[in-house]
């Protein structure tokens, strides 16, 4: 197990497009290392959630930045040492992972004023803890000097299957017709979201040259995690 100090914390970044499994891998990696898992995508999801809740146009970056300033959005440490999100003092984690919020999040996250409003909250979170920081620009924008950076990739069909499993878990058993409808919807949404995230002019979700590629299709989670842990040990010399 690694130890971290307030004045010399270690940050491991895990980036990738939506649906690649980077959240699951990051949580397991953090547990293995004794670090805090921090998914900063929760911050952007909270803005997407607020945009839907308060009927704010998702192309209006000034109104979106304003709503951020009007609410208290905070990363807090849960009992399991993972980062959770509080909105005005209330935990909203379970409200942030619907298809509607996912789509809104991708749209609001492209705006400069939105991203600038959330940078400090990410960089300054949990200063006394080692971090596994997971997101879409952790290694390129938020923690560019991190000593270990991962980029997780997954085939599109695998993304659709994983997202479908999440929805079924929420809705329970569904009909064959509903399943087909969801699959078609997810294929369109995932393809469009990936395109936007990769092509946006501000902080696009891309793999930098110093990121280690992790292929997360067709292999067990145990095998992929073992690979990541081995790389961290090698790069940190411990």
C-alpha atoms as a PDB file:
ATOM      1  CA  UNK A   1       0.000   0.000   0.000  1.00  0.00           C
ATOM      2  CA  UNK A   2       1.269   3.475  -0.866  1.00  0.00           C
ATOM      3  CA  UNK A   3       1.403   6.305   1.662  1.00  0.00           C
ATOM      4  CA  UNK A   4       0.759   9.942   0.834  1.00  0.00           C
ATOM      5  CA  UNK A   5       1.818  13.116   2.604  1.00  0.00           C
ATOM      6  CA  UNK A   6       0.111  16.490   2.585  1.00  0.00           C
ATOM      7  CA  UNK A   7       3.155  18.220   1.115  1.00  0.00           C
ATOM      8  CA  UNK A   8       3.998  15.527  -1.410  1.00  0.00           C
ATOM      9  CA  UNK A   9       0.930  13.726  -2.646  1.00  0.00           C
ATOM     10  CA  UNK A  10       1.009  11.414  -5.617  1.00  0.00           C
ATOM     11  CA  UNK A  11      -1.599  11.744  -8.360  1.00  0.00           C
ATOM     12  CA  UNK A  12      -2.404   8.992 -10.834  1.00  0.00           C
ATOM     13  CA  UNK A  13      -4.677  10.119 -13.671  1.00  0.00           C
ATOM     14  CA  UNK A  14      -7.099   7.922 -15.605  1.00  0.00           C
ATOM     15  CA  UNK A  15      -8.629   9.484 -18.712  1.00  0.00           C
ATOM     16  CA  UNK A  16     -10.890   8.173 -21.443  1.00  0.00           C
ATOM     17  CA  UNK A  17     -14.150   8.701 -23.245  1.00  0.00           C
ATOM     18  CA  UNK A  18     -17.521   7.899 -21.664  1.00  0.00           C
ATOM     19  CA  UNK A  19     -18.382   4.246 -21.155  1.00  0.00           C
ATOM     20  CA  UNK A  20     -14.840   2.885 -21.277  1.00  0.00           C
ATOM     21  CA  UNK A  21     -14.992   1.429 -17.771  1.00  0.00           C
ATOM     22  CA  UNK A  22     -12.518   3.942 -16.403  1.00  0.00           C
ATOM     23  CA  UNK A  23     -14.656   4.606 -13.321  1.00  0.00           C
ATOM     24  CA  UNK A  24     -14.674   0.971 -12.216  1.00  0.00           C
ATOM     25  CA  UNK A  25     -10.969   0.603 -12.925  1.00  0.00           C
ATOM     26  CA  UNK A  26     -10.131   3.847 -11.130  1.00  0.00           C
ATOM     27  CA  UNK A  27     -12.049   2.855  -8.012  1.00  0.00           C
ATOM     28  CA  UNK A  28     -10.335  -0.521  -7.848  1.00  0.00           C
ATOM     29  CA  UNK A  29      -6.934   1.018  -8.536  1.00  0.00           C
ATOM     30  CA  UNK A  30      -7.416   3.587  -5.770  1.00  0.00           C
ATOM     31  CA  UNK A  31      -8.383   0.854  -3.316  1.00  0.00           C
ATOM     32  CA  UNK A  32      -5.334  -1.187  -4.270  1.00  0.00           C
ATOM     33  CA  UNK A  33      -3.014   1.799  -3.809  1.00  0.00           C
ATOM     34  CA  UNK A  34      -4.646   3.167  -0.660  1.00  0.00           C
ATOM     35  CA  UNK A  35      -5.490   6.398  -2.493  1.00  0.00           C
ATOM     36  CA  UNK A  36      -8.682   8.426  -2.754  1.00  0.00           C
ATOM     37  CA  UNK A  37     -10.713   7.858  -5.898  1.00  0.00           C
ATOM     38  CA  UNK A  38     -11.827  11.174  -7.376  1.00  0.00           C
ATOM     39  CA  UNK A  39     -14.180  11.212 -10.361  1.00  0.00           C
ATOM     40  CA  UNK A  40     -14.325  14.871 -11.284  1.00  0.00           C
ATOM     41  CA  UNK A  41     -16.880  14.101 -13.953  1.00  0.00           C
ATOM     42  CA  UNK A  42     -19.347  14.355 -11.064  1.00  0.00           C
ATOM     43  CA  UNK A  43     -18.762  18.105 -11.034  1.00  0.00           C
ATOM     44  CA  UNK A  44     -19.747  18.426 -14.684  1.00  0.00           C
ATOM     45  CA  UNK A  45     -22.662  16.068 -14.196  1.00  0.00           C
ATOM     46  CA  UNK A  46     -23.890  18.346 -11.422  1.00  0.00           C
ATOM     47  CA  UNK A  47     -23.840  21.291 -13.820  1.00  0.00           C
ATOM     48  CA  UNK A  48     -25.699  19.195 -16.398  1.00  0.00           C
ATOM     49  CA  UNK A  49     -28.220  18.238 -13.735  1.00  0.00           C
ATOM     50  CA  UNK A  50     -28.696  21.895 -12.746  1.00  0.00           C
ATOM     51  CA  UNK A  51     -29.140  22.890 -16.391  1.00  0.00           C
ATOM     52  CA  UNK A  52     -31.973  20.392 -16.715  1.00  0.00           C
ATOM     53  CA  UNK A  53     -33.511  21.168 -13.340  1.00  0.00           C
ATOM     54  CA  UNK A  54     -33.509  24.946 -13.855  1.00  0.00           C
ATOM     55  CA  UNK A  55     -34.208  24.856 -17.615  1.00  0.00           C
ATOM     56  CA  UNK A  56     -30.978  26.624 -18.531  1.00  0.00           C
ATOM     57  CA  UNK A  57     -30.047  26.469 -22.237  1.00  0.00           C
ATOM     58  CA  UNK A  58     -27.042  24.183 -22.536  1.00  0.00           C
ATOM     59  CA  UNK A  59     -25.440  26.468 -25.125  1.00  0.00           C
ATOM     60  CA  UNK A  60     -25.498  29.521 -22.814  1.00  0.00           C
ATOM     61  CA  UNK A  61     -22.148  29.405 -21.032  1.00  0.00           C
ATOM     62  CA  UNK A  62     -22.770  32.672 -19.177  1.00  0.00           C
ATOM     63  CA  UNK A  63     -25.979  31.380 -17.581  1.00  0.00           C
ATOM     64  CA  UNK A  64     -24.322  28.060 -16.830  1.00  0.00           C
ATOM     65  CA  UNK A  65     -21.379  29.787 -15.138  1.00  0.00           C
ATOM     66  CA  UNK A  66     -23.861  31.910 -13.218  1.00  0.00           C
ATOM     67  CA  UNK A  67     -25.770  28.898 -11.907  1.00  0.00           C
ATOM     68  CA  UNK A  68     -22.463  27.376 -10.731  1.00  0.00           C
ATOM     69  CA  UNK A  69     -21.763  30.521  -8.720  1.00  0.00           C
ATOM     70  CA  UNK A  70     -25.273  30.454  -7.238  1.00  0.00           C
ATOM     71  CA  UNK A  71     -24.948  26.940  -5.833  1.00  0.00           C
ATOM     72  CA  UNK A  72     -22.510  25.243  -3.492  1.00  0.00           C
ATOM     73  CA  UNK A  73     -20.974  22.330  -5.383  1.00  0.00           C
ATOM     74  CA  UNK A  74     -18.445  20.395  -3.332  1.00  0.00           C
ATOM     75  CA  UNK A  75     -16.393  17.219  -3.545  1.00  0.00           C
ATOM     76  CA  UNK A  76     -16.511  15.416  -0.201  1.00  0.00           C
ATOM     77  CA  UNK A  77     -14.824  12.282   1.100  1.00  0.00           C
ATOM     78  CA  UNK A  78     -17.124   9.318   1.738  1.00  0.00           C
ATOM     79  CA  UNK A  79     -16.577   6.576   4.305  1.00  0.00           C
ATOM     80  CA  UNK A  80     -15.152   4.305   1.599  1.00  0.00           C
ATOM     81  CA  UNK A  81     -12.581   7.012   0.741  1.00  0.00           C
ATOM     82  CA  UNK A  82     -14.188   7.807  -2.582  1.00  0.00           C
ATOM     83  CA  UNK A  83     -15.148  11.306  -3.649  1.00  0.00           C
ATOM     84  CA  UNK A  84     -18.830  12.133  -3.627  1.00  0.00           C
ATOM     85  CA  UNK A  85     -20.663  15.244  -4.689  1.00  0.00           C
ATOM     86  CA  UNK A  86     -22.758  17.545  -2.531  1.00  0.00           C
ATOM     87  CA  UNK A  87     -25.076  20.172  -3.986  1.00  0.00           C
ATOM     88  CA  UNK A  88     -26.045  22.837  -1.484  1.00  0.00           C
ATOM     89  CA  UNK A  89     -25.203  20.452   1.332  1.00  0.00           C
ATOM     90  CA  UNK A  90     -27.180  17.506  -0.037  1.00  0.00           C
ATOM     91  CA  UNK A  91     -25.701  14.428  -1.706  1.00  0.00           C
ATOM     92  CA  UNK A  92     -26.994  14.142  -5.278  1.00  0.00           C
ATOM     93  CA  UNK A  93     -24.853  11.282  -6.583  1.00  0.00           C
ATOM     94  CA  UNK A  94     -27.812   9.037  -7.449  1.00  0.00           C
ATOM     95  CA  UNK A  95     -29.407  11.768  -9.577  1.00  0.00           C
ATOM     96  CA  UNK A  96     -26.406  12.283 -11.836  1.00  0.00           C
ATOM     97  CA  UNK A  97     -26.272   9.084 -13.896  1.00  0.00           C
ATOM     98  CA  UNK A  98     -29.433   9.108 -16.011  1.00  0.00           C
ATOM     99  CA  UNK A  99     -29.136   9.199 -19.839  1.00  0.00           C
ATOM    100  CA  UNK A 100     -30.596  12.716 -19.813  1.00  0.00           C
ATOM    101  CA  UNK A 101     -27.980  14.025 -17.387  1.00  0.00           C
ATOM    102  CA  UNK A 102     -25.221  12.243 -19.305  1.00  0.00           C
ATOM    103  CA  UNK A 103     -26.243  13.972 -22.519  1.00  0.00           C
ATOM    104  CA  UNK A 104     -26.595  17.370 -20.830  1.00  0.00           C
ATOM    105  CA  UNK A 105     -23.193  16.933 -19.181  1.00  0.00           C
ATOM    106  CA  UNK A 106     -21.443  16.414 -22.515  1.00  0.00           C
ATOM    107  CA  UNK A 107     -23.066  19.578 -23.849  1.00  0.00           C
ATOM    108  CA  UNK A 108     -22.326  21.873 -20.897  1.00  0.00           C
ATOM    109  CA  UNK A 109     -18.756  20.626 -20.472  1.00  0.00           C
ATOM    110  CA  UNK A 110     -17.638  22.147 -23.778  1.00  0.00           C
ATOM    111  CA  UNK A 111     -17.896  25.712 -22.474  1.00  0.00           C
ATOM    112  CA  UNK A 112     -14.788  27.561 -21.333  1.00  0.00           C
ATOM    113  CA  UNK A 113     -16.505  29.414 -18.493  1.00  0.00           C
ATOM    114  CA  UNK A 114     -17.961  26.190 -17.119  1.00  0.00           C
ATOM    115  CA  UNK A 115     -14.615  24.393 -17.151  1.00  0.00           C
ATOM    116  CA  UNK A 116     -12.770  27.385 -15.710  1.00  0.00           C
ATOM    117  CA  UNK A 117     -15.318  27.573 -12.891  1.00  0.00           C
ATOM    118  CA  UNK A 118     -14.539  24.001 -11.862  1.00  0.00           C
ATOM    119  CA  UNK A 119     -10.750  23.772 -12.242  1.00  0.00           C
ATOM    120  CA  UNK A 120      -9.873  24.909  -8.721  1.00  0.00           C
ATOM    121  CA  UNK A 121     -12.343  22.507  -7.140  1.00  0.00           C
ATOM    122  CA  UNK A 122     -10.538  19.663  -8.887  1.00  0.00           C
ATOM    123  CA  UNK A 123      -6.928  20.688  -8.278  1.00  0.00           C
ATOM    124  CA  UNK A 124      -7.479  21.590  -4.632  1.00  0.00           C
ATOM    125  CA  UNK A 125      -9.597  18.605  -3.631  1.00  0.00           C
ATOM    126  CA  UNK A 126      -8.244  16.416  -0.807  1.00  0.00           C
ATOM    127  CA  UNK A 127      -4.760  18.028  -0.623  1.00  0.00           C
ATOM    128  CA  UNK A 128      -3.496  15.592   2.013  1.00  0.00           C
ATOM    129  CA  UNK A 129      -4.400  12.462   0.058  1.00  0.00           C
ATOM    130  CA  UNK A 130      -2.891  10.472  -2.759  1.00  0.00           C
ATOM    131  CA  UNK A 131      -5.340  10.571  -5.655  1.00  0.00           C
ATOM    132  CA  UNK A 132      -6.502   8.432  -8.504  1.00  0.00           C
ATOM    133  CA  UNK A 133      -8.089  11.233 -10.520  1.00  0.00           C
ATOM    134  CA  UNK A 134     -10.501  10.015 -13.166  1.00  0.00           C
ATOM    135  CA  UNK A 135     -12.065  12.073 -15.933  1.00  0.00           C
ATOM    136  CA  UNK A 136     -11.591  13.287 -19.480  1.00  0.00           C
ATOM    137  CA  UNK A 137      -8.796  15.842 -19.089  1.00  0.00           C
ATOM    138  CA  UNK A 138      -7.130  14.869 -15.833  1.00  0.00           C
ATOM    139  CA  UNK A 139      -3.728  14.167 -17.363  1.00  0.00           C
ATOM    140  CA  UNK A 140      -3.817  16.938 -19.958  1.00  0.00           C
ATOM    141  CA  UNK A 141      -5.330  19.918 -18.106  1.00  0.00           C
ATOM    142  CA  UNK A 142      -5.943  19.351 -14.396  1.00  0.00           C
ATOM    143  CA  UNK A 143      -2.841  17.360 -13.395  1.00  0.00           C
ATOM    144  CA  UNK A 144      -0.433  17.630 -16.354  1.00  0.00           C
ATOM    145  CA  UNK A 145       2.578  16.844 -14.122  1.00  0.00           C
ATOM    146  CA  UNK A 146       1.154  13.595 -12.729  1.00  0.00           C
ATOM    147  CA  UNK A 147       3.868  10.903 -12.690  1.00  0.00           C
ATOM    148  CA  UNK A 148       1.496   8.166 -13.888  1.00  0.00           C
ATOM    149  CA  UNK A 149      -1.171   8.711 -16.540  1.00  0.00           C
ATOM    150  CA  UNK A 150      -3.525   6.179 -18.083  1.00  0.00           C
ATOM    151  CA  UNK A 151      -5.782   6.327 -21.137  1.00  0.00           C
ATOM    152  CA  UNK A 152      -8.572   3.725 -21.170  1.00  0.00           C
ATOM    153  CA  UNK A 153     -10.153   2.611 -24.446  1.00  0.00           C
ATOM    154  CA  UNK A 154     -13.156   0.375 -25.088  1.00  0.00           C
ATOM    155  CA  UNK A 155     -14.943  -0.706 -28.259  1.00  0.00           C
ATOM    156  CA  UNK A 156     -18.264   1.042 -28.941  1.00  0.00           C
ATOM    157  CA  UNK A 157     -20.332  -2.178 -28.742  1.00  0.00           C
ATOM    158  CA  UNK A 158     -18.917  -2.806 -25.283  1.00  0.00           C
ATOM    159  CA  UNK A 159     -19.842   0.730 -24.213  1.00  0.00           C
ATOM    160  CA  UNK A 160     -23.435   0.202 -25.354  1.00  0.00           C
ATOM    161  CA  UNK A 161     -23.685  -3.110 -23.511  1.00  0.00           C
ATOM    162  CA  UNK A 162     -22.334  -1.624 -20.274  1.00  0.00           C
ATOM    163  CA  UNK A 163     -24.615   1.401 -20.423  1.00  0.00           C
ATOM    164  CA  UNK A 164     -27.591  -0.859 -21.099  1.00  0.00           C
ATOM    165  CA  UNK A 165     -26.770  -2.928 -18.031  1.00  0.00           C
ATOM    166  CA  UNK A 166     -26.787   0.226 -15.913  1.00  0.00           C
ATOM    167  CA  UNK A 167     -30.226   1.223 -17.194  1.00  0.00           C
ATOM    168  CA  UNK A 168     -31.637  -2.268 -16.678  1.00  0.00           C
ATOM    169  CA  UNK A 169     -30.315  -2.221 -13.125  1.00  0.00           C
ATOM    170  CA  UNK A 170     -32.267   0.991 -12.555  1.00  0.00           C
ATOM    171  CA  UNK A 171     -35.470   0.006 -14.359  1.00  0.00           C
ATOM    172  CA  UNK A 172     -35.544  -3.727 -13.637  1.00  0.00           C
ATOM    173  CA  UNK A 173     -36.571  -6.310 -16.220  1.00  0.00           C
ATOM    174  CA  UNK A 174     -37.445  -4.802 -19.613  1.00  0.00           C
ATOM    175  CA  UNK A 175     -39.142  -6.075 -22.746  1.00  0.00           C
ATOM    176  CA  UNK A 176     -37.283  -7.099 -25.897  1.00  0.00           C
ATOM    177  CA  UNK A 177     -38.759  -4.073 -27.680  1.00  0.00           C
ATOM    178  CA  UNK A 178     -37.579  -1.734 -24.922  1.00  0.00           C
ATOM    179  CA  UNK A 179     -34.121  -3.304 -25.009  1.00  0.00           C
ATOM    180  CA  UNK A 180     -33.811  -2.786 -28.767  1.00  0.00           C
ATOM    181  CA  UNK A 181     -35.019   0.794 -28.420  1.00  0.00           C
ATOM    182  CA  UNK A 182     -32.438   1.487 -25.712  1.00  0.00           C
ATOM    183  CA  UNK A 183     -29.633  -0.115 -27.715  1.00  0.00           C
ATOM    184  CA  UNK A 184     -30.388   2.071 -30.740  1.00  0.00           C
ATOM    185  CA  UNK A 185     -30.661   5.151 -28.541  1.00  0.00           C
ATOM    186  CA  UNK A 186     -27.383   4.382 -26.763  1.00  0.00           C
ATOM    187  CA  UNK A 187     -25.511   3.796 -30.041  1.00  0.00           C
ATOM    188  CA  UNK A 188     -26.548   7.201 -31.349  1.00  0.00           C
ATOM    189  CA  UNK A 189     -25.913   9.033 -28.075  1.00  0.00           C
ATOM    190  CA  UNK A 190     -22.536   7.405 -27.400  1.00  0.00           C
ATOM    191  CA  UNK A 191     -21.275   8.017 -30.934  1.00  0.00           C
ATOM    192  CA  UNK A 192     -22.356  11.665 -30.867  1.00  0.00           C
ATOM    193  CA  UNK A 193     -21.013  12.259 -27.358  1.00  0.00           C
ATOM    194  CA  UNK A 194     -17.622  10.743 -28.215  1.00  0.00           C
ATOM    195  CA  UNK A 195     -17.403  12.910 -31.329  1.00  0.00           C
ATOM    196  CA  UNK A 196     -18.180  16.070 -29.364  1.00  0.00           C
ATOM    197  CA  UNK A 197     -15.752  15.216 -26.571  1.00  0.00           C
ATOM    198  CA  UNK A 198     -12.896  14.501 -28.976  1.00  0.00           C
ATOM    199  CA  UNK A 199     -13.488  17.439 -31.335  1.00  0.00           C
ATOM    200  CA  UNK A 200     -14.319  20.238 -28.918  1.00  0.00           C
ATOM    201  CA  UNK A 201     -11.904  23.131 -29.075  1.00  0.00           C
ATOM    202  CA  UNK A 202     -11.495  23.478 -25.308  1.00  0.00           C
ATOM    203  CA  UNK A 203      -9.842  20.636 -23.379  1.00  0.00           C
ATOM    204  CA  UNK A 204     -10.805  17.850 -25.795  1.00  0.00           C
ATOM    205  CA  UNK A 205     -10.813  14.299 -24.489  1.00  0.00           C
ATOM    206  CA  UNK A 206      -7.677  12.987 -26.153  1.00  0.00           C
ATOM    207  CA  UNK A 207      -4.752  10.746 -25.338  1.00  0.00           C
ATOM    208  CA  UNK A 208      -1.509  12.616 -24.781  1.00  0.00           C
ATOM    209  CA  UNK A 209       1.859  11.063 -25.627  1.00  0.00           C
ATOM    210  CA  UNK A 210       2.717  10.392 -21.982  1.00  0.00           C
ATOM    211  CA  UNK A 211      -0.439   8.388 -21.259  1.00  0.00           C
ATOM    212  CA  UNK A 212      -0.222   4.618 -21.050  1.00  0.00           C
ATOM    213  CA  UNK A 213      -2.888   2.972 -23.222  1.00  0.00           C
ATOM    214  CA  UNK A 214      -5.124   0.495 -21.387  1.00  0.00           C
ATOM    215  CA  UNK A 215      -7.353  -1.627 -23.622  1.00  0.00           C
ATOM    216  CA  UNK A 216     -10.519  -2.519 -21.706  1.00  0.00           C
ATOM    217  CA  UNK A 217     -12.390  -4.712 -24.198  1.00  0.00           C
ATOM    218  CA  UNK A 218     -12.415  -8.501 -24.124  1.00  0.00           C
ATOM    219  CA  UNK A 219     -10.350  -8.839 -20.940  1.00  0.00           C
ATOM    220  CA  UNK A 220     -11.439  -9.426 -17.370  1.00  0.00           C
ATOM    221  CA  UNK A 221     -11.380  -6.525 -14.954  1.00  0.00           C
ATOM    222  CA  UNK A 222      -8.874  -8.437 -12.817  1.00  0.00           C
ATOM    223  CA  UNK A 223      -6.403  -8.716 -15.688  1.00  0.00           C
ATOM    224  CA  UNK A 224      -6.726  -5.046 -16.637  1.00  0.00           C
ATOM    225  CA  UNK A 225      -6.384  -3.901 -13.023  1.00  0.00           C
ATOM    226  CA  UNK A 226      -3.287  -6.051 -12.482  1.00  0.00           C
ATOM    227  CA  UNK A 227      -1.714  -4.425 -15.537  1.00  0.00           C
ATOM    228  CA  UNK A 228      -2.402  -0.938 -14.205  1.00  0.00           C
ATOM    229  CA  UNK A 229      -1.094  -1.729 -10.724  1.00  0.00           C
ATOM    230  CA  UNK A 230       2.096  -3.163 -12.215  1.00  0.00           C
ATOM    231  CA  UNK A 231       2.625  -0.016 -14.290  1.00  0.00           C
ATOM    232  CA  UNK A 232       2.130   2.242 -11.256  1.00  0.00           C
ATOM    233  CA  UNK A 233       4.659   0.237  -9.251  1.00  0.00           C
ATOM    234  CA  UNK A 234       7.133   0.386 -12.113  1.00  0.00           C
ATOM    235  CA  UNK A 235       6.777   4.119 -12.728  1.00  0.00           C
ATOM    236  CA  UNK A 236       6.867   5.113  -9.073  1.00  0.00           C
ATOM    237  CA  UNK A 237       9.651   2.704  -8.226  1.00  0.00           C
ATOM    238  CA  UNK A 238       7.862   1.091  -5.316  1.00  0.00           C
END
